Amino acid sequence: MIEIRFHGRGGQGMVTASQVLATAAIMEGKYAQAFPEFGPERRGAPVKAYLRIDDRPIYKREPVVEPDVVVVGDQSLFVSENPLEGIKGNGILVVNGAYKAPVKTYYVDATSLALKLLGKAIVNTAMIGAVVKATGVVGLETALAALNKYFSGKIYELNAQLVKVAFDQTKEL
């Protein structure tokens, strides 16, 4: 089983990112679960989302406390909390912007890409591309097909382009 914990701020779409990746895993014949944890429900407040993917049914229902992968959509969260808490020794950090961490780290400038393509700093789809590149947890084409279940028309096209560009621009630090 791979366990992924997403950290972001309300309005960045990290909950949707976890759901899209869960849908992609299911489309590939895997089992998956994705669910959020909210604090004060307002735009800008810290948000966590959890994702588990396995080849067998998943019976755990609690939050991911020892993630294999941590996804951080907003680096300011490193000031107010510790997104890397509990990460496994061989864990992977996927982060919006370059960040030096004591684990294998992949980064992409998701904010700049989102602003350029969407006109808004909604980084979820860029982070989907980065997670797929960093982990290979699902295929890129499957992630794009899953995204099409959440968005349609021009919104889908822009977000699919953002996934692809972020995938291409994600680098290991």
N, C-alpha and C. Protein backbone atom coordinates (compact mmCIF):
# COMPACT_ATOMS: atom_id res chain seq x y z
N MET A 1 0.84 -1.18 0.00
CA MET A 1 0.00 0.00 0.00
C MET A 1 0.89 1.24 0.00
N ILE A 2 0.47 2.23 -0.77
CA ILE A 2 1.15 3.53 -0.73
C ILE A 2 0.20 4.51 -0.06
N GLU A 3 0.74 5.27 0.88
CA GLU A 3 -0.06 6.25 1.61
C GLU A 3 0.50 7.64 1.33
N ILE A 4 -0.39 8.54 0.93
CA ILE A 4 0.02 9.89 0.55
C ILE A 4 -0.78 10.89 1.40
N ARG A 5 -0.06 11.87 1.93
CA ARG A 5 -0.72 12.94 2.69
C ARG A 5 -0.50 14.26 1.95
N PHE A 6 -1.58 14.96 1.69
CA PHE A 6 -1.55 16.24 1.00
C PHE A 6 -1.71 17.36 2.03
N HIS A 7 -0.89 18.40 1.90
CA HIS A 7 -1.01 19.59 2.74
C HIS A 7 -1.20 20.79 1.82
N GLY A 8 -2.20 21.58 2.12
CA GLY A 8 -2.44 22.77 1.33
C GLY A 8 -3.26 23.76 2.12
N ARG A 9 -3.77 24.73 1.42
CA ARG A 9 -4.65 25.73 2.03
C ARG A 9 -5.99 25.67 1.31
N GLY A 10 -7.04 25.96 2.05
CA GLY A 10 -8.37 25.96 1.48
C GLY A 10 -8.41 26.79 0.20
N GLY A 11 -8.95 26.22 -0.86
CA GLY A 11 -9.02 26.93 -2.13
C GLY A 11 -7.96 26.51 -3.12
N GLN A 12 -6.94 25.76 -2.67
CA GLN A 12 -5.89 25.31 -3.58
C GLN A 12 -6.26 24.01 -4.30
N GLY A 13 -7.31 23.33 -3.84
CA GLY A 13 -7.77 22.13 -4.51
C GLY A 13 -7.05 20.84 -4.15
N MET A 14 -6.39 20.79 -3.00
CA MET A 14 -5.64 19.59 -2.64
C MET A 14 -6.57 18.39 -2.37
N VAL A 15 -7.78 18.65 -1.87
CA VAL A 15 -8.74 17.56 -1.66
C VAL A 15 -9.12 16.97 -3.02
N THR A 16 -9.39 17.83 -3.99
CA THR A 16 -9.72 17.36 -5.34
C THR A 16 -8.54 16.59 -5.94
N ALA A 17 -7.33 17.05 -5.71
CA ALA A 17 -6.15 16.34 -6.23
C ALA A 17 -6.11 14.92 -5.71
N SER A 18 -6.37 14.73 -4.42
CA SER A 18 -6.35 13.38 -3.85
C SER A 18 -7.45 12.52 -4.46
N GLN A 19 -8.62 13.12 -4.70
CA GLN A 19 -9.74 12.38 -5.28
C GLN A 19 -9.47 12.00 -6.74
N VAL A 20 -8.87 12.89 -7.49
CA VAL A 20 -8.55 12.59 -8.89
C VAL A 20 -7.56 11.43 -8.95
N LEU A 21 -6.54 11.46 -8.11
CA LEU A 21 -5.55 10.37 -8.12
C LEU A 21 -6.17 9.06 -7.65
N ALA A 22 -7.10 9.11 -6.70
CA ALA A 22 -7.81 7.89 -6.27
C ALA A 22 -8.63 7.33 -7.43
N THR A 23 -9.31 8.21 -8.14
CA THR A 23 -10.10 7.78 -9.30
C THR A 23 -9.20 7.14 -10.36
N ALA A 24 -8.04 7.74 -10.60
CA ALA A 24 -7.10 7.18 -11.58
C ALA A 24 -6.64 5.79 -11.15
N ALA A 25 -6.36 5.62 -9.87
CA ALA A 25 -5.92 4.31 -9.38
C ALA A 25 -7.01 3.27 -9.59
N ILE A 26 -8.24 3.64 -9.30
CA ILE A 26 -9.37 2.72 -9.49
C ILE A 26 -9.52 2.38 -10.97
N MET A 27 -9.34 3.36 -11.82
CA MET A 27 -9.42 3.12 -13.27
C MET A 27 -8.35 2.14 -13.73
N GLU A 28 -7.23 2.08 -12.99
CA GLU A 28 -6.16 1.14 -13.32
C GLU A 28 -6.34 -0.21 -12.63
N GLY A 29 -7.48 -0.42 -11.99
CA GLY A 29 -7.78 -1.70 -11.36
C GLY A 29 -7.26 -1.85 -9.94
N LYS A 30 -6.85 -0.75 -9.34
CA LYS A 30 -6.37 -0.78 -7.96
C LYS A 30 -7.49 -0.38 -7.02
N TYR A 31 -7.23 -0.54 -5.74
CA TYR A 31 -8.14 -0.06 -4.72
C TYR A 31 -7.61 1.27 -4.22
N ALA A 32 -8.50 2.19 -3.89
CA ALA A 32 -8.06 3.50 -3.43
C ALA A 32 -9.11 4.11 -2.52
N GLN A 33 -8.62 4.97 -1.64
CA GLN A 33 -9.52 5.80 -0.83
C GLN A 33 -8.88 7.17 -0.68
N ALA A 34 -9.70 8.19 -0.74
CA ALA A 34 -9.24 9.56 -0.56
C ALA A 34 -10.26 10.27 0.31
N PHE A 35 -9.76 11.02 1.29
CA PHE A 35 -10.67 11.76 2.16
C PHE A 35 -9.94 12.94 2.77
N PRO A 36 -10.68 14.01 3.08
CA PRO A 36 -10.08 15.24 3.60
C PRO A 36 -10.10 15.30 5.12
N GLU A 37 -9.31 16.20 5.65
CA GLU A 37 -9.39 16.61 7.05
C GLU A 37 -9.37 18.13 7.04
N PHE A 38 -10.41 18.72 7.55
CA PHE A 38 -10.52 20.17 7.56
C PHE A 38 -10.35 20.70 8.97
N GLY A 39 -9.80 21.90 9.07
CA GLY A 39 -9.83 22.66 10.31
C GLY A 39 -10.96 23.67 10.14
N PRO A 40 -10.72 24.92 10.50
CA PRO A 40 -11.74 25.94 10.23
C PRO A 40 -11.96 26.01 8.71
N GLU A 41 -13.16 25.78 8.28
CA GLU A 41 -13.43 25.69 6.85
C GLU A 41 -13.55 27.07 6.23
N ARG A 42 -12.40 27.58 5.81
CA ARG A 42 -12.38 28.87 5.13
C ARG A 42 -11.22 28.88 4.14
N ARG A 43 -11.36 29.70 3.14
CA ARG A 43 -10.30 29.83 2.14
C ARG A 43 -9.02 30.27 2.83
N GLY A 44 -7.93 29.59 2.54
CA GLY A 44 -6.64 29.94 3.11
C GLY A 44 -6.28 29.17 4.37
N ALA A 45 -7.23 28.52 4.99
CA ALA A 45 -6.94 27.74 6.20
C ALA A 45 -6.21 26.45 5.81
N PRO A 46 -5.33 25.94 6.69
CA PRO A 46 -4.64 24.68 6.38
C PRO A 46 -5.64 23.53 6.18
N VAL A 47 -5.36 22.72 5.17
CA VAL A 47 -6.19 21.57 4.83
C VAL A 47 -5.27 20.38 4.62
N LYS A 48 -5.71 19.21 5.06
CA LYS A 48 -5.00 17.96 4.76
C LYS A 48 -5.96 17.04 4.02
N ALA A 49 -5.41 16.26 3.15
CA ALA A 49 -6.18 15.22 2.48
C ALA A 49 -5.31 13.97 2.46
N TYR A 50 -5.96 12.84 2.46
CA TYR A 50 -5.25 11.56 2.53
C TYR A 50 -5.64 10.69 1.35
N LEU A 51 -4.67 9.91 0.90
CA LEU A 51 -4.88 9.00 -0.22
C LEU A 51 -4.15 7.70 0.06
N ARG A 52 -4.86 6.61 -0.10
CA ARG A 52 -4.25 5.28 -0.01
C ARG A 52 -4.55 4.55 -1.31
N ILE A 53 -3.53 3.85 -1.82
CA ILE A 53 -3.69 3.05 -3.03
C ILE A 53 -3.04 1.70 -2.77
N ASP A 54 -3.75 0.63 -3.16
CA ASP A 54 -3.22 -0.72 -2.94
C ASP A 54 -3.79 -1.65 -4.01
N ASP A 55 -3.17 -2.82 -4.10
CA ASP A 55 -3.68 -3.86 -5.01
C ASP A 55 -4.76 -4.70 -4.34
N ARG A 56 -4.93 -4.51 -3.03
CA ARG A 56 -5.93 -5.26 -2.26
C ARG A 56 -6.90 -4.28 -1.60
N PRO A 57 -8.06 -4.76 -1.17
CA PRO A 57 -9.00 -3.87 -0.49
C PRO A 57 -8.34 -3.16 0.70
N ILE A 58 -8.75 -1.95 0.94
CA ILE A 58 -8.18 -1.12 2.02
C ILE A 58 -9.23 -1.00 3.12
N TYR A 59 -8.86 -1.43 4.32
CA TYR A 59 -9.80 -1.39 5.44
C TYR A 59 -9.48 -0.30 6.45
N LYS A 60 -8.30 0.29 6.37
CA LYS A 60 -7.94 1.39 7.26
C LYS A 60 -8.84 2.58 6.97
N ARG A 61 -9.19 3.33 8.00
CA ARG A 61 -10.01 4.52 7.79
C ARG A 61 -9.44 5.75 8.50
N GLU A 62 -8.37 5.58 9.22
CA GLU A 62 -7.81 6.70 9.97
C GLU A 62 -6.90 7.56 9.09
N PRO A 63 -6.58 8.77 9.56
CA PRO A 63 -5.67 9.63 8.80
C PRO A 63 -4.32 8.96 8.57
N VAL A 64 -3.64 9.38 7.53
CA VAL A 64 -2.30 8.86 7.21
C VAL A 64 -1.29 9.56 8.13
N VAL A 65 -0.70 8.79 9.04
CA VAL A 65 0.26 9.38 9.99
C VAL A 65 1.70 9.04 9.65
N GLU A 66 1.92 8.00 8.85
CA GLU A 66 3.27 7.63 8.40
C GLU A 66 3.27 7.51 6.88
N PRO A 67 3.21 8.66 6.20
CA PRO A 67 3.08 8.64 4.74
C PRO A 67 4.34 8.19 4.02
N ASP A 68 4.11 7.58 2.87
CA ASP A 68 5.20 7.27 1.94
C ASP A 68 5.54 8.52 1.13
N VAL A 69 4.52 9.33 0.89
CA VAL A 69 4.66 10.55 0.08
C VAL A 69 3.93 11.68 0.79
N VAL A 70 4.56 12.84 0.83
CA VAL A 70 3.93 14.06 1.33
C VAL A 70 3.90 15.06 0.19
N VAL A 71 2.73 15.64 -0.05
CA VAL A 71 2.54 16.63 -1.10
C VAL A 71 2.22 17.96 -0.42
N VAL A 72 3.01 18.98 -0.71
CA VAL A 72 2.81 20.29 -0.09
C VAL A 72 2.53 21.33 -1.18
N GLY A 73 1.33 21.88 -1.15
CA GLY A 73 0.92 22.86 -2.15
C GLY A 73 1.28 24.28 -1.78
N ASP A 74 1.67 24.53 -0.52
CA ASP A 74 2.00 25.87 -0.07
C ASP A 74 3.12 25.78 0.96
N GLN A 75 4.30 26.28 0.59
CA GLN A 75 5.47 26.17 1.48
C GLN A 75 5.31 26.91 2.79
N SER A 76 4.42 27.88 2.89
CA SER A 76 4.24 28.57 4.17
C SER A 76 3.76 27.62 5.26
N LEU A 77 3.25 26.47 4.87
CA LEU A 77 2.81 25.48 5.85
C LEU A 77 3.99 24.91 6.64
N PHE A 78 5.20 24.99 6.09
CA PHE A 78 6.37 24.53 6.84
C PHE A 78 6.65 25.43 8.05
N VAL A 79 6.11 26.65 8.04
CA VAL A 79 6.29 27.58 9.15
C VAL A 79 5.27 27.29 10.25
N SER A 80 4.04 27.02 9.87
CA SER A 80 2.96 26.86 10.84
C SER A 80 2.75 25.43 11.32
N GLU A 81 3.25 24.44 10.58
CA GLU A 81 3.12 23.04 10.97
C GLU A 81 4.29 22.28 10.39
N ASN A 82 4.33 20.99 10.63
CA ASN A 82 5.42 20.17 10.11
C ASN A 82 4.85 19.13 9.14
N PRO A 83 4.72 19.48 7.86
CA PRO A 83 4.16 18.54 6.90
C PRO A 83 4.93 17.21 6.81
N LEU A 84 6.21 17.23 7.16
CA LEU A 84 7.02 16.00 7.06
C LEU A 84 6.88 15.10 8.28
N GLU A 85 6.08 15.50 9.26
CA GLU A 85 5.92 14.68 10.46
C GLU A 85 5.47 13.27 10.08
N GLY A 86 6.21 12.28 10.59
CA GLY A 86 5.85 10.89 10.39
C GLY A 86 6.25 10.29 9.06
N ILE A 87 6.83 11.08 8.15
CA ILE A 87 7.18 10.53 6.83
C ILE A 87 8.17 9.39 7.00
N LYS A 88 7.98 8.36 6.23
CA LYS A 88 8.88 7.20 6.29
C LYS A 88 10.28 7.60 5.86
N GLY A 89 11.27 6.88 6.34
CA GLY A 89 12.67 7.20 6.05
C GLY A 89 12.99 7.23 4.57
N ASN A 90 12.30 6.42 3.79
CA ASN A 90 12.50 6.40 2.34
C ASN A 90 11.40 7.17 1.62
N GLY A 91 10.74 8.06 2.38
CA GLY A 91 9.62 8.82 1.85
C GLY A 91 10.03 9.85 0.81
N ILE A 92 9.01 10.37 0.13
CA ILE A 92 9.19 11.35 -0.93
C ILE A 92 8.38 12.58 -0.62
N LEU A 93 8.99 13.75 -0.79
CA LEU A 93 8.29 15.02 -0.69
C LEU A 93 8.08 15.55 -2.10
N VAL A 94 6.83 15.94 -2.39
CA VAL A 94 6.51 16.59 -3.66
C VAL A 94 6.00 17.98 -3.27
N VAL A 95 6.72 19.02 -3.69
CA VAL A 95 6.45 20.35 -3.16
C VAL A 95 6.32 21.40 -4.26
N ASN A 96 5.48 22.37 -3.99
CA ASN A 96 5.30 23.52 -4.87
C ASN A 96 6.46 24.47 -4.62
N GLY A 97 7.43 24.50 -5.52
CA GLY A 97 8.61 25.34 -5.36
C GLY A 97 9.75 24.56 -4.73
N ALA A 98 10.96 24.96 -4.99
CA ALA A 98 12.14 24.26 -4.46
C ALA A 98 12.17 24.39 -2.94
N TYR A 99 12.43 23.28 -2.27
CA TYR A 99 12.49 23.26 -0.81
C TYR A 99 13.48 22.17 -0.40
N LYS A 100 14.44 22.52 0.43
CA LYS A 100 15.44 21.56 0.87
C LYS A 100 14.88 20.78 2.04
N ALA A 101 14.81 19.48 1.91
CA ALA A 101 14.25 18.61 2.95
C ALA A 101 15.15 17.41 3.16
N PRO A 102 15.02 16.75 4.31
CA PRO A 102 15.86 15.60 4.61
C PRO A 102 15.39 14.29 3.96
N VAL A 103 14.51 14.40 2.97
CA VAL A 103 14.03 13.22 2.24
C VAL A 103 14.14 13.51 0.74
N LYS A 104 13.99 12.48 -0.06
CA LYS A 104 13.99 12.67 -1.52
C LYS A 104 12.89 13.67 -1.87
N THR A 105 13.25 14.70 -2.63
CA THR A 105 12.33 15.80 -2.90
C THR A 105 12.20 16.07 -4.39
N TYR A 106 10.95 16.21 -4.81
CA TYR A 106 10.63 16.62 -6.17
C TYR A 106 9.87 17.94 -6.08
N TYR A 107 10.15 18.85 -6.99
CA TYR A 107 9.49 20.15 -6.93
C TYR A 107 9.08 20.63 -8.31
N VAL A 108 8.08 21.50 -8.30
CA VAL A 108 7.61 22.18 -9.50
C VAL A 108 7.08 23.53 -9.06
N ASP A 109 7.21 24.54 -9.88
CA ASP A 109 6.66 25.86 -9.55
C ASP A 109 5.19 25.87 -9.96
N ALA A 110 4.39 25.18 -9.16
CA ALA A 110 2.97 25.00 -9.46
C ALA A 110 2.22 26.33 -9.49
N THR A 111 2.58 27.24 -8.61
CA THR A 111 1.87 28.53 -8.56
C THR A 111 2.05 29.31 -9.85
N SER A 112 3.29 29.43 -10.32
CA SER A 112 3.53 30.17 -11.57
C SER A 112 2.84 29.50 -12.75
N LEU A 113 2.89 28.18 -12.80
CA LEU A 113 2.25 27.46 -13.91
C LEU A 113 0.74 27.67 -13.88
N ALA A 114 0.14 27.58 -12.68
CA ALA A 114 -1.31 27.76 -12.55
C ALA A 114 -1.71 29.19 -12.93
N LEU A 115 -0.94 30.16 -12.48
CA LEU A 115 -1.25 31.54 -12.83
C LEU A 115 -1.17 31.75 -14.34
N LYS A 116 -0.17 31.16 -14.96
CA LYS A 116 0.02 31.32 -16.41
C LYS A 116 -1.11 30.65 -17.20
N LEU A 117 -1.48 29.43 -16.81
CA LEU A 117 -2.46 28.67 -17.60
C LEU A 117 -3.91 28.90 -17.17
N LEU A 118 -4.13 29.08 -15.87
CA LEU A 118 -5.50 29.22 -15.37
C LEU A 118 -5.86 30.66 -15.02
N GLY A 119 -4.82 31.48 -14.78
CA GLY A 119 -5.07 32.84 -14.32
C GLY A 119 -5.38 32.90 -12.84
N LYS A 120 -5.24 31.78 -12.13
CA LYS A 120 -5.51 31.69 -10.69
C LYS A 120 -4.46 30.78 -10.06
N ALA A 121 -4.17 31.03 -8.80
CA ALA A 121 -3.16 30.22 -8.08
C ALA A 121 -3.79 28.97 -7.47
N ILE A 122 -4.52 28.23 -8.29
CA ILE A 122 -5.10 26.96 -7.85
C ILE A 122 -4.16 25.87 -8.35
N VAL A 123 -3.41 25.28 -7.42
CA VAL A 123 -2.26 24.44 -7.79
C VAL A 123 -2.55 22.94 -7.86
N ASN A 124 -3.78 22.53 -7.59
CA ASN A 124 -4.05 21.10 -7.48
C ASN A 124 -3.67 20.29 -8.72
N THR A 125 -4.03 20.76 -9.89
CA THR A 125 -3.75 19.94 -11.07
C THR A 125 -2.26 19.93 -11.41
N ALA A 126 -1.57 21.02 -11.12
CA ALA A 126 -0.12 21.01 -11.29
C ALA A 126 0.50 19.99 -10.34
N MET A 127 -0.01 19.92 -9.12
CA MET A 127 0.54 18.98 -8.15
C MET A 127 0.21 17.53 -8.53
N ILE A 128 -0.91 17.31 -9.21
CA ILE A 128 -1.21 15.96 -9.72
C ILE A 128 -0.11 15.54 -10.69
N GLY A 129 0.24 16.42 -11.62
CA GLY A 129 1.31 16.11 -12.56
C GLY A 129 2.62 15.83 -11.86
N ALA A 130 2.92 16.61 -10.83
CA ALA A 130 4.17 16.42 -10.08
C ALA A 130 4.16 15.09 -9.33
N VAL A 131 3.04 14.73 -8.72
CA VAL A 131 2.95 13.46 -7.98
C VAL A 131 3.12 12.28 -8.93
N VAL A 132 2.46 12.35 -10.08
CA VAL A 132 2.58 11.27 -11.06
C VAL A 132 4.04 11.12 -11.51
N LYS A 133 4.70 12.24 -11.78
CA LYS A 133 6.10 12.21 -12.21
C LYS A 133 7.00 11.64 -11.11
N ALA A 134 6.81 12.10 -9.87
CA ALA A 134 7.69 11.72 -8.76
C ALA A 134 7.49 10.28 -8.30
N THR A 135 6.27 9.77 -8.42
CA THR A 135 5.97 8.47 -7.82
C THR A 135 5.59 7.38 -8.81
N GLY A 136 5.03 7.76 -9.94
CA GLY A 136 4.54 6.76 -10.88
C GLY A 136 3.37 5.96 -10.32
N VAL A 137 2.70 6.51 -9.31
CA VAL A 137 1.63 5.79 -8.63
C VAL A 137 0.47 5.46 -9.57
N VAL A 138 0.27 6.31 -10.58
CA VAL A 138 -0.67 6.03 -11.67
C VAL A 138 -0.02 6.57 -12.94
N GLY A 139 -0.52 6.15 -14.07
CA GLY A 139 0.00 6.64 -15.33
C GLY A 139 -0.52 8.03 -15.64
N LEU A 140 0.25 8.79 -16.39
CA LEU A 140 -0.15 10.15 -16.76
C LEU A 140 -1.46 10.14 -17.54
N GLU A 141 -1.59 9.27 -18.50
CA GLU A 141 -2.81 9.22 -19.30
C GLU A 141 -4.02 8.86 -18.45
N THR A 142 -3.83 7.97 -17.48
CA THR A 142 -4.94 7.62 -16.59
C THR A 142 -5.32 8.80 -15.71
N ALA A 143 -4.33 9.53 -15.22
CA ALA A 143 -4.61 10.72 -14.42
C ALA A 143 -5.42 11.73 -15.22
N LEU A 144 -5.07 11.89 -16.49
CA LEU A 144 -5.81 12.82 -17.35
C LEU A 144 -7.24 12.34 -17.58
N ALA A 145 -7.41 11.04 -17.76
CA ALA A 145 -8.76 10.49 -17.94
C ALA A 145 -9.58 10.67 -16.66
N ALA A 146 -8.96 10.48 -15.51
CA ALA A 146 -9.66 10.68 -14.24
C ALA A 146 -10.03 12.15 -14.06
N LEU A 147 -9.15 13.04 -14.44
CA LEU A 147 -9.41 14.47 -14.33
C LEU A 147 -10.66 14.86 -15.12
N ASN A 148 -10.88 14.17 -16.24
CA ASN A 148 -12.03 14.43 -17.09
C ASN A 148 -13.35 14.07 -16.41
N LYS A 149 -13.29 13.31 -15.32
CA LYS A 149 -14.49 12.99 -14.54
C LYS A 149 -14.84 14.12 -13.57
N TYR A 150 -13.93 15.04 -13.36
CA TYR A 150 -14.13 16.15 -12.42
C TYR A 150 -14.32 17.49 -13.13
N PHE A 151 -13.75 17.62 -14.31
CA PHE A 151 -13.83 18.86 -15.08
C PHE A 151 -14.23 18.52 -16.51
N SER A 152 -14.83 19.49 -17.19
CA SER A 152 -15.19 19.25 -18.59
C SER A 152 -14.93 20.52 -19.41
N GLY A 153 -15.04 20.35 -20.71
CA GLY A 153 -14.91 21.48 -21.61
C GLY A 153 -13.58 22.20 -21.48
N LYS A 154 -13.64 23.52 -21.56
CA LYS A 154 -12.45 24.37 -21.52
C LYS A 154 -11.72 24.24 -20.18
N ILE A 155 -12.45 24.09 -19.09
CA ILE A 155 -11.82 23.94 -17.77
C ILE A 155 -10.98 22.65 -17.74
N TYR A 156 -11.53 21.58 -18.29
CA TYR A 156 -10.75 20.33 -18.37
C TYR A 156 -9.51 20.54 -19.23
N GLU A 157 -9.68 21.15 -20.40
CA GLU A 157 -8.55 21.33 -21.31
C GLU A 157 -7.41 22.11 -20.67
N LEU A 158 -7.73 23.20 -19.97
CA LEU A 158 -6.70 24.00 -19.31
C LEU A 158 -6.02 23.22 -18.19
N ASN A 159 -6.82 22.51 -17.40
CA ASN A 159 -6.25 21.74 -16.30
C ASN A 159 -5.45 20.54 -16.78
N ALA A 160 -5.89 19.91 -17.85
CA ALA A 160 -5.12 18.80 -18.43
C ALA A 160 -3.78 19.30 -18.93
N GLN A 161 -3.79 20.47 -19.56
CA GLN A 161 -2.53 21.07 -20.01
C GLN A 161 -1.62 21.36 -18.82
N LEU A 162 -2.20 21.84 -17.73
CA LEU A 162 -1.43 22.13 -16.52
C LEU A 162 -0.82 20.86 -15.94
N VAL A 163 -1.57 19.77 -15.92
CA VAL A 163 -1.04 18.48 -15.44
C VAL A 163 0.18 18.09 -16.27
N LYS A 164 0.04 18.18 -17.58
CA LYS A 164 1.13 17.76 -18.48
C LYS A 164 2.37 18.65 -18.34
N VAL A 165 2.17 19.96 -18.29
CA VAL A 165 3.31 20.88 -18.16
C VAL A 165 4.01 20.65 -16.82
N ALA A 166 3.24 20.51 -15.76
CA ALA A 166 3.84 20.27 -14.44
C ALA A 166 4.58 18.93 -14.42
N PHE A 167 4.01 17.92 -15.04
CA PHE A 167 4.68 16.62 -15.14
C PHE A 167 6.05 16.80 -15.80
N ASP A 168 6.07 17.52 -16.90
CA ASP A 168 7.32 17.74 -17.64
C ASP A 168 8.33 18.58 -16.85
N GLN A 169 7.84 19.52 -16.05
CA GLN A 169 8.74 20.44 -15.35
C GLN A 169 9.12 20.00 -13.93
N THR A 170 8.56 18.91 -13.45
CA THR A 170 8.91 18.43 -12.10
C THR A 170 10.31 17.88 -12.11
N LYS A 171 11.09 18.36 -11.14
CA LYS A 171 12.50 17.97 -11.04
C LYS A 171 12.80 17.43 -9.65
N GLU A 172 13.81 16.57 -9.60
CA GLU A 172 14.29 16.10 -8.29
C GLU A 172 15.32 17.08 -7.78
N LEU A 173 15.21 17.43 -6.51
CA LEU A 173 16.14 18.38 -5.91
C LEU A 173 17.39 17.66 -5.44
